[in-house]
Every structure is written in C-alpha cells, then in structure tokens.
Amino acid sequence: MITLHPTFHPNFVQFIKEFNGTKDYFECHELLEDYWKEVSQARKNHPLTAFILLSTSMYHWRRGNITGAIKTMNGSIKRFVETSPSVYYDTINYTKLMQDTTHSISLLKEKKAFQQFTIELMNEQLERLVDALGITTEEDLHFLTHKHMLRDRSEILIERERQKKRRDDLK
C-alpha cells in the first residue's frame, strides 16, 4: 500500500493554493478544519491546527480585528512549536514560516496595516500539485474580507438547530 505524504492531501494542497494565491484565509480555515477532523479526531494539539489558527489570524488582521489576530497568531506560533518536528512541516520552509509569523506579531502589536506573506514550499511534488490546480484569480477583496458575514449560512443555522434539539431531547 502506498501512503501519500499528508501535505499531498487535496485539502492541504488547496489550502496552499488559497493561502498563497487568492489569499482567501476563510476558505483556508474551512479546508483544513475538514482535513483535521478527518485525520486527528479533532485533537487540538495537531499540526493542522497551527495552520488553521494562522489562517484565522490572517483573516482577522485583514478585517482590522487586531486583538483577535494577535490572539490567534500567538496560538498558531505556539502550536507550530508544540508540534515540531512534524511531517506536515517537511514540505514547507518551516524556518521562514516561523520568521513570517513572528514578524507578523510584531506588526500587529504596532497596529500596522495588514501584510500578507506566502508559505514557501520546499518540495517539488507539492509545488506541482498546487500548480496543477490552475491559475489563481483574485476574488473581490470586500468579499474576502467579510466572507463569514456575506456567505450563505443557512446550512450552518440548520445544523445548529438540529444540535440544539438533540441536546434538548437528551435533557
């Protein structure tokens, strides 16, 4: 049986494409949350959670939520350190990622304007997989910035009600 490297999983490949290309940090979070739940039984101390927190912090920062961005960026850095070494960091430039996140914390504390960065890839196969997804087009910045408020939330609201009803039924 051939085992693929965990960063070759379609969700991680798409995450890299979104993070480095469209800068759709909300989508990055969604992609990795699904993957994380699939592979870790939602354990908090998992390398994917570091990337999830990083995406969340970038989303908050771009929206001007400095407090939320600092909190989640600090959480991301802490999780990157706690889960190192990890195979999830084999295919990326982990050192540069840590430098970029640490620099971003400094900028956030100085209340500087949002500054994006990319996750540098160190593996040709991962680069090919990301490139195979096609040319990235920038989405509307207003939509990317406020995506959580502008998207269709009907499925989320239905699921919340279903969970609430289930909890109420158990009482």
N, C-alpha and C. Protein backbone atom coordinates (compact mmCIF):
# COMPACT_ATOMS: atom_id res chain seq x y z
N MET A 1 0.84 -1.18 0.00
CA MET A 1 0.00 0.00 0.00
C MET A 1 0.89 1.25 0.00
N ILE A 2 0.61 2.18 -0.88
CA ILE A 2 1.36 3.42 -0.98
C ILE A 2 0.69 4.47 -0.10
N THR A 3 1.48 5.08 0.76
CA THR A 3 0.97 6.14 1.63
C THR A 3 1.45 7.47 1.11
N LEU A 4 0.52 8.37 0.87
CA LEU A 4 0.88 9.71 0.42
C LEU A 4 1.32 10.56 1.60
N HIS A 5 2.22 11.47 1.33
CA HIS A 5 2.62 12.42 2.34
C HIS A 5 1.38 13.22 2.74
N PRO A 6 1.19 13.52 4.03
CA PRO A 6 -0.03 14.21 4.46
C PRO A 6 -0.23 15.60 3.84
N THR A 7 0.84 16.24 3.37
CA THR A 7 0.65 17.55 2.73
C THR A 7 0.25 17.41 1.26
N PHE A 8 0.18 16.18 0.77
CA PHE A 8 -0.30 15.96 -0.60
C PHE A 8 -1.80 15.71 -0.62
N HIS A 9 -2.42 15.69 0.54
CA HIS A 9 -3.88 15.54 0.64
C HIS A 9 -4.52 16.71 -0.11
N PRO A 10 -5.59 16.45 -0.86
CA PRO A 10 -6.21 17.52 -1.66
C PRO A 10 -6.57 18.78 -0.85
N ASN A 11 -7.00 18.61 0.39
CA ASN A 11 -7.36 19.79 1.19
C ASN A 11 -6.14 20.63 1.54
N PHE A 12 -5.01 19.97 1.81
CA PHE A 12 -3.80 20.73 2.14
C PHE A 12 -3.27 21.42 0.88
N VAL A 13 -3.30 20.74 -0.23
CA VAL A 13 -2.86 21.33 -1.49
C VAL A 13 -3.71 22.56 -1.81
N GLN A 14 -5.02 22.43 -1.67
CA GLN A 14 -5.93 23.56 -1.92
C GLN A 14 -5.68 24.68 -0.91
N PHE A 15 -5.41 24.31 0.33
CA PHE A 15 -5.07 25.31 1.36
C PHE A 15 -3.88 26.16 0.90
N ILE A 16 -2.82 25.51 0.44
CA ILE A 16 -1.64 26.25 -0.01
C ILE A 16 -2.00 27.16 -1.17
N LYS A 17 -2.80 26.65 -2.10
CA LYS A 17 -3.22 27.46 -3.25
C LYS A 17 -3.98 28.71 -2.79
N GLU A 18 -4.89 28.51 -1.84
CA GLU A 18 -5.69 29.63 -1.34
C GLU A 18 -4.84 30.61 -0.54
N PHE A 19 -3.99 30.08 0.35
CA PHE A 19 -3.17 30.95 1.21
C PHE A 19 -2.21 31.78 0.37
N ASN A 20 -1.52 31.14 -0.56
CA ASN A 20 -0.50 31.83 -1.34
C ASN A 20 -1.07 32.55 -2.55
N GLY A 21 -2.21 32.10 -3.05
CA GLY A 21 -2.75 32.64 -4.29
C GLY A 21 -3.87 33.64 -4.08
N THR A 22 -5.06 33.14 -3.76
CA THR A 22 -6.22 34.02 -3.64
C THR A 22 -6.22 34.81 -2.34
N LYS A 23 -5.46 34.33 -1.35
CA LYS A 23 -5.44 34.94 -0.01
C LYS A 23 -6.81 34.83 0.66
N ASP A 24 -7.54 33.76 0.32
CA ASP A 24 -8.85 33.51 0.91
C ASP A 24 -8.64 32.73 2.21
N TYR A 25 -8.32 33.47 3.27
CA TYR A 25 -7.97 32.85 4.54
C TYR A 25 -9.16 32.15 5.19
N PHE A 26 -10.35 32.65 4.93
CA PHE A 26 -11.54 31.98 5.45
C PHE A 26 -11.65 30.59 4.84
N GLU A 27 -11.46 30.50 3.55
CA GLU A 27 -11.51 29.20 2.86
C GLU A 27 -10.38 28.29 3.35
N CYS A 28 -9.22 28.87 3.60
CA CYS A 28 -8.09 28.09 4.14
C CYS A 28 -8.50 27.40 5.43
N HIS A 29 -9.14 28.15 6.30
CA HIS A 29 -9.61 27.61 7.57
C HIS A 29 -10.58 26.46 7.34
N GLU A 30 -11.54 26.66 6.46
CA GLU A 30 -12.56 25.64 6.19
C GLU A 30 -11.92 24.36 5.63
N LEU A 31 -11.02 24.51 4.69
CA LEU A 31 -10.36 23.35 4.08
C LEU A 31 -9.59 22.52 5.11
N LEU A 32 -8.83 23.21 5.94
CA LEU A 32 -8.01 22.48 6.90
C LEU A 32 -8.82 21.95 8.07
N GLU A 33 -9.89 22.63 8.42
CA GLU A 33 -10.73 22.11 9.51
C GLU A 33 -11.33 20.76 9.12
N ASP A 34 -11.80 20.65 7.89
CA ASP A 34 -12.35 19.38 7.42
C ASP A 34 -11.28 18.29 7.42
N TYR A 35 -10.10 18.62 6.93
CA TYR A 35 -8.98 17.66 6.87
C TYR A 35 -8.57 17.26 8.29
N TRP A 36 -8.43 18.23 9.17
CA TRP A 36 -8.04 17.99 10.55
C TRP A 36 -9.01 17.03 11.25
N LYS A 37 -10.29 17.26 11.08
CA LYS A 37 -11.28 16.38 11.70
C LYS A 37 -11.19 14.96 11.13
N GLU A 38 -10.85 14.86 9.87
CA GLU A 38 -10.73 13.57 9.20
C GLU A 38 -9.55 12.76 9.74
N VAL A 39 -8.43 13.42 10.03
CA VAL A 39 -7.21 12.68 10.37
C VAL A 39 -6.85 12.66 11.85
N SER A 40 -7.48 13.48 12.67
CA SER A 40 -7.00 13.59 14.05
C SER A 40 -8.04 13.41 15.13
N GLN A 41 -9.26 13.09 14.76
CA GLN A 41 -10.34 13.02 15.73
C GLN A 41 -10.45 14.35 16.50
N ALA A 42 -10.16 15.44 15.81
CA ALA A 42 -10.27 16.80 16.33
C ALA A 42 -9.39 17.06 17.55
N ARG A 43 -8.23 16.41 17.60
CA ARG A 43 -7.26 16.70 18.67
C ARG A 43 -6.72 18.11 18.46
N LYS A 44 -6.71 18.90 19.51
CA LYS A 44 -6.25 20.29 19.41
C LYS A 44 -4.75 20.38 19.14
N ASN A 45 -3.97 19.47 19.70
CA ASN A 45 -2.52 19.53 19.54
C ASN A 45 -2.09 18.75 18.30
N HIS A 46 -2.47 19.27 17.15
CA HIS A 46 -2.16 18.65 15.86
C HIS A 46 -1.58 19.74 14.96
N PRO A 47 -0.60 19.40 14.12
CA PRO A 47 0.00 20.42 13.25
C PRO A 47 -1.01 21.19 12.38
N LEU A 48 -2.07 20.53 11.94
CA LEU A 48 -3.04 21.23 11.10
C LEU A 48 -3.70 22.39 11.85
N THR A 49 -3.82 22.26 13.18
CA THR A 49 -4.43 23.36 13.94
C THR A 49 -3.55 24.60 13.92
N ALA A 50 -2.25 24.43 13.79
CA ALA A 50 -1.36 25.60 13.69
C ALA A 50 -1.66 26.38 12.41
N PHE A 51 -1.87 25.64 11.31
CA PHE A 51 -2.21 26.30 10.04
C PHE A 51 -3.61 26.90 10.08
N ILE A 52 -4.53 26.24 10.77
CA ILE A 52 -5.90 26.76 10.91
C ILE A 52 -5.86 28.09 11.67
N LEU A 53 -5.13 28.10 12.79
CA LEU A 53 -5.01 29.33 13.57
C LEU A 53 -4.31 30.43 12.77
N LEU A 54 -3.31 30.06 11.99
CA LEU A 54 -2.62 31.04 11.14
C LEU A 54 -3.60 31.67 10.16
N SER A 55 -4.39 30.85 9.50
CA SER A 55 -5.38 31.35 8.54
C SER A 55 -6.38 32.28 9.23
N THR A 56 -6.83 31.87 10.40
CA THR A 56 -7.79 32.67 11.16
C THR A 56 -7.18 34.02 11.53
N SER A 57 -5.92 34.01 11.95
CA SER A 57 -5.29 35.28 12.33
C SER A 57 -5.13 36.20 11.14
N MET A 58 -4.79 35.65 9.98
CA MET A 58 -4.66 36.48 8.78
C MET A 58 -6.02 37.08 8.39
N TYR A 59 -7.06 36.29 8.54
CA TYR A 59 -8.42 36.77 8.24
C TYR A 59 -8.78 37.93 9.19
N HIS A 60 -8.53 37.73 10.49
CA HIS A 60 -8.82 38.79 11.47
C HIS A 60 -8.01 40.05 11.18
N TRP A 61 -6.73 39.87 10.89
CA TRP A 61 -5.86 41.03 10.65
C TRP A 61 -6.36 41.85 9.46
N ARG A 62 -6.67 41.18 8.37
CA ARG A 62 -7.14 41.90 7.18
C ARG A 62 -8.44 42.65 7.48
N ARG A 63 -9.26 42.11 8.38
CA ARG A 63 -10.52 42.75 8.75
C ARG A 63 -10.32 43.87 9.77
N GLY A 64 -9.10 44.03 10.28
CA GLY A 64 -8.84 45.08 11.26
C GLY A 64 -9.09 44.66 12.70
N ASN A 65 -9.33 43.38 12.92
CA ASN A 65 -9.53 42.85 14.27
C ASN A 65 -8.15 42.49 14.84
N ILE A 66 -7.45 43.51 15.32
CA ILE A 66 -6.08 43.33 15.79
C ILE A 66 -6.02 42.41 17.01
N THR A 67 -6.93 42.59 17.95
CA THR A 67 -6.94 41.75 19.15
C THR A 67 -7.11 40.29 18.79
N GLY A 68 -8.08 39.99 17.94
CA GLY A 68 -8.31 38.61 17.50
C GLY A 68 -7.13 38.06 16.71
N ALA A 69 -6.53 38.92 15.89
CA ALA A 69 -5.39 38.48 15.08
C ALA A 69 -4.19 38.14 15.95
N ILE A 70 -3.91 38.97 16.95
CA ILE A 70 -2.79 38.70 17.85
C ILE A 70 -3.02 37.41 18.62
N LYS A 71 -4.22 37.25 19.15
CA LYS A 71 -4.54 36.05 19.93
C LYS A 71 -4.37 34.78 19.10
N THR A 72 -4.92 34.77 17.89
CA THR A 72 -4.84 33.56 17.08
C THR A 72 -3.44 33.37 16.47
N MET A 73 -2.73 34.45 16.18
CA MET A 73 -1.36 34.32 15.67
C MET A 73 -0.45 33.75 16.76
N ASN A 74 -0.61 34.25 18.00
CA ASN A 74 0.15 33.68 19.12
C ASN A 74 -0.17 32.20 19.29
N GLY A 75 -1.44 31.85 19.18
CA GLY A 75 -1.84 30.45 19.27
C GLY A 75 -1.23 29.61 18.16
N SER A 76 -1.17 30.19 16.98
CA SER A 76 -0.57 29.49 15.84
C SER A 76 0.91 29.22 16.08
N ILE A 77 1.62 30.25 16.51
CA ILE A 77 3.06 30.09 16.77
C ILE A 77 3.28 29.02 17.84
N LYS A 78 2.51 29.11 18.91
CA LYS A 78 2.63 28.14 20.00
C LYS A 78 2.39 26.72 19.48
N ARG A 79 1.38 26.56 18.65
CA ARG A 79 1.05 25.23 18.11
C ARG A 79 2.12 24.74 17.13
N PHE A 80 2.66 25.65 16.31
CA PHE A 80 3.77 25.26 15.41
C PHE A 80 4.94 24.72 16.23
N VAL A 81 5.27 25.40 17.32
CA VAL A 81 6.39 24.99 18.16
C VAL A 81 6.07 23.66 18.85
N GLU A 82 4.88 23.54 19.42
CA GLU A 82 4.49 22.32 20.14
C GLU A 82 4.48 21.08 19.25
N THR A 83 4.16 21.27 17.99
CA THR A 83 4.01 20.11 17.10
C THR A 83 5.23 19.89 16.20
N SER A 84 6.30 20.61 16.48
CA SER A 84 7.52 20.42 15.70
C SER A 84 8.43 19.44 16.43
N PRO A 85 9.09 18.57 15.76
CA PRO A 85 9.05 18.34 14.31
C PRO A 85 7.81 17.53 13.93
N SER A 86 7.33 17.78 12.76
CA SER A 86 6.17 17.07 12.23
C SER A 86 6.35 16.87 10.73
N VAL A 87 5.81 15.78 10.24
CA VAL A 87 5.88 15.54 8.80
C VAL A 87 5.13 16.62 8.02
N TYR A 88 4.19 17.30 8.67
CA TYR A 88 3.46 18.38 8.00
C TYR A 88 4.37 19.56 7.67
N TYR A 89 5.53 19.61 8.29
CA TYR A 89 6.46 20.71 8.04
C TYR A 89 7.61 20.30 7.13
N ASP A 90 7.63 19.04 6.70
CA ASP A 90 8.71 18.55 5.83
C ASP A 90 8.73 19.21 4.46
N THR A 91 7.58 19.59 3.95
CA THR A 91 7.48 20.06 2.57
C THR A 91 7.42 21.58 2.44
N ILE A 92 7.48 22.26 3.59
CA ILE A 92 7.45 23.72 3.58
C ILE A 92 8.72 24.25 4.24
N ASN A 93 8.98 25.53 4.05
CA ASN A 93 10.11 26.17 4.72
C ASN A 93 9.62 26.61 6.11
N TYR A 94 9.76 25.70 7.06
CA TYR A 94 9.28 25.91 8.42
C TYR A 94 9.98 27.12 9.06
N THR A 95 11.26 27.25 8.86
CA THR A 95 12.02 28.36 9.45
C THR A 95 11.48 29.70 8.95
N LYS A 96 11.26 29.81 7.65
CA LYS A 96 10.72 31.06 7.09
C LYS A 96 9.30 31.31 7.60
N LEU A 97 8.50 30.26 7.70
CA LEU A 97 7.14 30.41 8.21
C LEU A 97 7.17 30.96 9.63
N MET A 98 8.05 30.44 10.46
CA MET A 98 8.15 30.94 11.84
C MET A 98 8.64 32.39 11.86
N GLN A 99 9.56 32.73 10.97
CA GLN A 99 10.02 34.13 10.88
C GLN A 99 8.87 35.04 10.45
N ASP A 100 8.10 34.61 9.47
CA ASP A 100 6.99 35.41 8.96
C ASP A 100 5.90 35.60 10.02
N THR A 101 5.58 34.54 10.76
CA THR A 101 4.55 34.67 11.79
C THR A 101 5.04 35.55 12.94
N THR A 102 6.30 35.40 13.32
CA THR A 102 6.86 36.23 14.39
C THR A 102 6.91 37.69 13.97
N HIS A 103 7.29 37.93 12.72
CA HIS A 103 7.30 39.30 12.19
C HIS A 103 5.88 39.87 12.17
N SER A 104 4.92 39.05 11.79
CA SER A 104 3.53 39.50 11.75
C SER A 104 3.03 39.89 13.13
N ILE A 105 3.42 39.14 14.17
CA ILE A 105 3.04 39.51 15.54
C ILE A 105 3.60 40.90 15.88
N SER A 106 4.84 41.15 15.50
CA SER A 106 5.44 42.47 15.76
C SER A 106 4.64 43.57 15.07
N LEU A 107 4.28 43.33 13.81
CA LEU A 107 3.50 44.32 13.07
C LEU A 107 2.13 44.53 13.70
N LEU A 108 1.51 43.44 14.12
CA LEU A 108 0.20 43.54 14.76
C LEU A 108 0.26 44.35 16.05
N LYS A 109 1.28 44.10 16.85
CA LYS A 109 1.42 44.83 18.12
C LYS A 109 1.66 46.32 17.89
N GLU A 110 2.24 46.65 16.75
CA GLU A 110 2.43 48.05 16.38
C GLU A 110 1.22 48.61 15.65
N LYS A 111 0.17 47.78 15.54
CA LYS A 111 -1.07 48.16 14.84
C LYS A 111 -0.83 48.58 13.39
N LYS A 112 0.09 47.87 12.75
CA LYS A 112 0.40 48.12 11.35
C LYS A 112 -0.69 47.53 10.46
N ALA A 113 -0.77 48.05 9.25
CA ALA A 113 -1.74 47.56 8.27
C ALA A 113 -1.42 46.11 7.90
N PHE A 114 -2.43 45.41 7.47
CA PHE A 114 -2.31 44.01 7.07
C PHE A 114 -1.19 43.83 6.05
N GLN A 115 -0.38 42.81 6.28
CA GLN A 115 0.68 42.45 5.35
C GLN A 115 0.66 40.94 5.15
N GLN A 116 0.36 40.53 3.95
CA GLN A 116 0.31 39.11 3.64
C GLN A 116 1.70 38.55 3.44
N PHE A 117 1.82 37.25 3.55
CA PHE A 117 3.05 36.54 3.22
C PHE A 117 2.65 35.19 2.65
N THR A 118 3.60 34.51 2.07
CA THR A 118 3.31 33.19 1.49
C THR A 118 4.03 32.10 2.27
N ILE A 119 3.51 30.92 2.16
CA ILE A 119 4.15 29.75 2.75
C ILE A 119 5.05 29.16 1.66
N GLU A 120 6.36 29.23 1.89
CA GLU A 120 7.31 28.76 0.90
C GLU A 120 7.35 27.23 0.89
N LEU A 121 7.22 26.67 -0.30
CA LEU A 121 7.24 25.22 -0.45
C LEU A 121 8.67 24.75 -0.70
N MET A 122 8.98 23.57 -0.15
CA MET A 122 10.33 23.00 -0.26
C MET A 122 10.30 21.63 -0.93
N ASN A 123 9.20 21.33 -1.60
CA ASN A 123 9.04 20.01 -2.19
C ASN A 123 8.47 20.17 -3.60
N GLU A 124 9.17 19.63 -4.58
CA GLU A 124 8.74 19.78 -5.97
C GLU A 124 7.40 19.13 -6.24
N GLN A 125 7.15 17.98 -5.63
CA GLN A 125 5.87 17.30 -5.87
C GLN A 125 4.71 18.14 -5.34
N LEU A 126 4.86 18.71 -4.17
CA LEU A 126 3.81 19.57 -3.63
C LEU A 126 3.63 20.80 -4.52
N GLU A 127 4.72 21.38 -4.98
CA GLU A 127 4.63 22.52 -5.90
C GLU A 127 3.84 22.15 -7.16
N ARG A 128 4.12 20.97 -7.71
CA ARG A 128 3.40 20.52 -8.91
C ARG A 128 1.90 20.33 -8.62
N LEU A 129 1.59 19.76 -7.47
CA LEU A 129 0.18 19.56 -7.11
C LEU A 129 -0.55 20.89 -6.97
N VAL A 130 0.10 21.87 -6.35
CA VAL A 130 -0.50 23.19 -6.19
C VAL A 130 -0.66 23.85 -7.57
N ASP A 131 0.39 23.80 -8.38
CA ASP A 131 0.33 24.40 -9.72
C ASP A 131 -0.74 23.77 -10.59
N ALA A 132 -0.97 22.47 -10.41
CA ALA A 132 -1.96 21.75 -11.21
C ALA A 132 -3.39 22.24 -10.96
N LEU A 133 -3.59 22.96 -9.87
CA LEU A 133 -4.92 23.48 -9.56
C LEU A 133 -5.30 24.64 -10.47
N GLY A 134 -4.35 25.12 -11.24
CA GLY A 134 -4.67 26.16 -12.21
C GLY A 134 -4.30 27.54 -11.73
N ILE A 135 -4.56 28.48 -12.59
CA ILE A 135 -4.22 29.88 -12.33
C ILE A 135 -5.17 30.42 -11.27
N THR A 136 -4.59 31.12 -10.34
CA THR A 136 -5.37 31.71 -9.26
C THR A 136 -5.89 33.07 -9.69
N THR A 137 -7.15 33.31 -9.45
CA THR A 137 -7.71 34.63 -9.71
C THR A 137 -8.04 35.26 -8.37
N GLU A 138 -7.70 36.51 -8.25
CA GLU A 138 -8.02 37.24 -7.02
C GLU A 138 -9.54 37.44 -6.98
N GLU A 139 -10.10 37.16 -5.82
CA GLU A 139 -11.52 37.41 -5.63
C GLU A 139 -11.71 38.84 -5.17
N ASP A 140 -12.94 39.27 -5.13
CA ASP A 140 -13.30 40.59 -4.65
C ASP A 140 -12.81 40.75 -3.21
N LEU A 141 -11.98 41.77 -2.96
CA LEU A 141 -11.40 41.98 -1.64
C LEU A 141 -12.47 42.19 -0.57
N HIS A 142 -13.53 42.90 -0.90
CA HIS A 142 -14.61 43.10 0.08
C HIS A 142 -15.21 41.76 0.49
N PHE A 143 -15.43 40.89 -0.48
CA PHE A 143 -15.98 39.57 -0.18
C PHE A 143 -15.01 38.76 0.67
N LEU A 144 -13.72 38.76 0.30
CA LEU A 144 -12.72 38.00 1.06
C LEU A 144 -12.60 38.53 2.49
N THR A 145 -12.70 39.82 2.65
CA THR A 145 -12.54 40.43 3.95
C THR A 145 -13.72 40.14 4.88
N HIS A 146 -14.90 40.05 4.33
CA HIS A 146 -16.10 39.89 5.14
C HIS A 146 -16.85 38.59 4.82
N LYS A 147 -16.14 37.61 4.35
CA LYS A 147 -16.75 36.38 3.84
C LYS A 147 -17.66 35.69 4.86
N HIS A 148 -17.26 35.68 6.12
CA HIS A 148 -18.07 34.98 7.11
C HIS A 148 -19.44 35.62 7.29
N MET A 149 -19.58 36.90 6.94
CA MET A 149 -20.87 37.57 7.07
C MET A 149 -21.66 37.56 5.76
N LEU A 150 -20.96 37.39 4.64
CA LEU A 150 -21.62 37.51 3.34
C LEU A 150 -22.01 36.18 2.72
N ARG A 151 -21.51 35.08 3.26
CA ARG A 151 -21.80 33.77 2.68
C ARG A 151 -23.17 33.28 3.11
N ASP A 152 -23.66 32.28 2.40
CA ASP A 152 -24.93 31.65 2.74
C ASP A 152 -24.71 30.79 3.98
N ARG A 153 -25.38 31.13 5.06
CA ARG A 153 -25.20 30.43 6.33
C ARG A 153 -26.37 29.52 6.66
N SER A 154 -27.28 29.29 5.72
CA SER A 154 -28.49 28.52 6.02
C SER A 154 -28.17 27.11 6.52
N GLU A 155 -27.17 26.45 5.92
CA GLU A 155 -26.82 25.09 6.37
C GLU A 155 -26.27 25.11 7.79
N ILE A 156 -25.49 26.11 8.12
CA ILE A 156 -24.93 26.23 9.46
C ILE A 156 -26.04 26.43 10.48
N LEU A 157 -26.99 27.30 10.16
CA LEU A 157 -28.08 27.57 11.07
C LEU A 157 -28.98 26.35 11.26
N ILE A 158 -29.21 25.61 10.19
CA ILE A 158 -30.00 24.37 10.29
C ILE A 158 -29.28 23.36 11.18
N GLU A 159 -27.98 23.22 11.00
CA GLU A 159 -27.21 22.28 11.81
C GLU A 159 -27.20 22.69 13.28
N ARG A 160 -27.08 23.98 13.55
CA ARG A 160 -27.12 24.46 14.94
C ARG A 160 -28.45 24.10 15.59
N GLU A 161 -29.53 24.32 14.86
CA GLU A 161 -30.85 23.99 15.40
C GLU A 161 -30.99 22.49 15.65
N ARG A 162 -30.45 21.69 14.74
CA ARG A 162 -30.51 20.23 14.89
C ARG A 162 -29.75 19.81 16.14
N GLN A 163 -28.57 20.37 16.35
CA GLN A 163 -27.76 20.05 17.53
C GLN A 163 -28.46 20.51 18.81
N LYS A 164 -29.07 21.69 18.78
CA LYS A 164 -29.78 22.21 19.95
C LYS A 164 -30.95 21.30 20.29
N LYS A 165 -31.68 20.89 19.27
CA LYS A 165 -32.82 19.99 19.50
C LYS A 165 -32.34 18.68 20.10
N ARG A 166 -31.25 18.16 19.59
CA ARG A 166 -30.70 16.89 20.12
C ARG A 166 -30.31 17.05 21.59
N ARG A 167 -29.67 18.17 21.92
CA ARG A 167 -29.30 18.41 23.32
C ARG A 167 -30.54 18.52 24.20
N ASP A 168 -31.54 19.26 23.69
CA ASP A 168 -32.79 19.42 24.45
C ASP A 168 -33.48 18.08 24.67
N ASP A 169 -33.44 17.21 23.66
CA ASP A 169 -34.07 15.89 23.76
C ASP A 169 -33.37 15.01 24.79
N LEU A 170 -32.07 15.25 24.99
CA LEU A 170 -31.30 14.45 25.94
C LEU A 170 -31.53 14.87 27.39
N LYS A 171 -32.10 16.06 27.57
CA LYS A 171 -32.34 16.58 28.94
C LYS A 171 -33.49 15.89 29.61
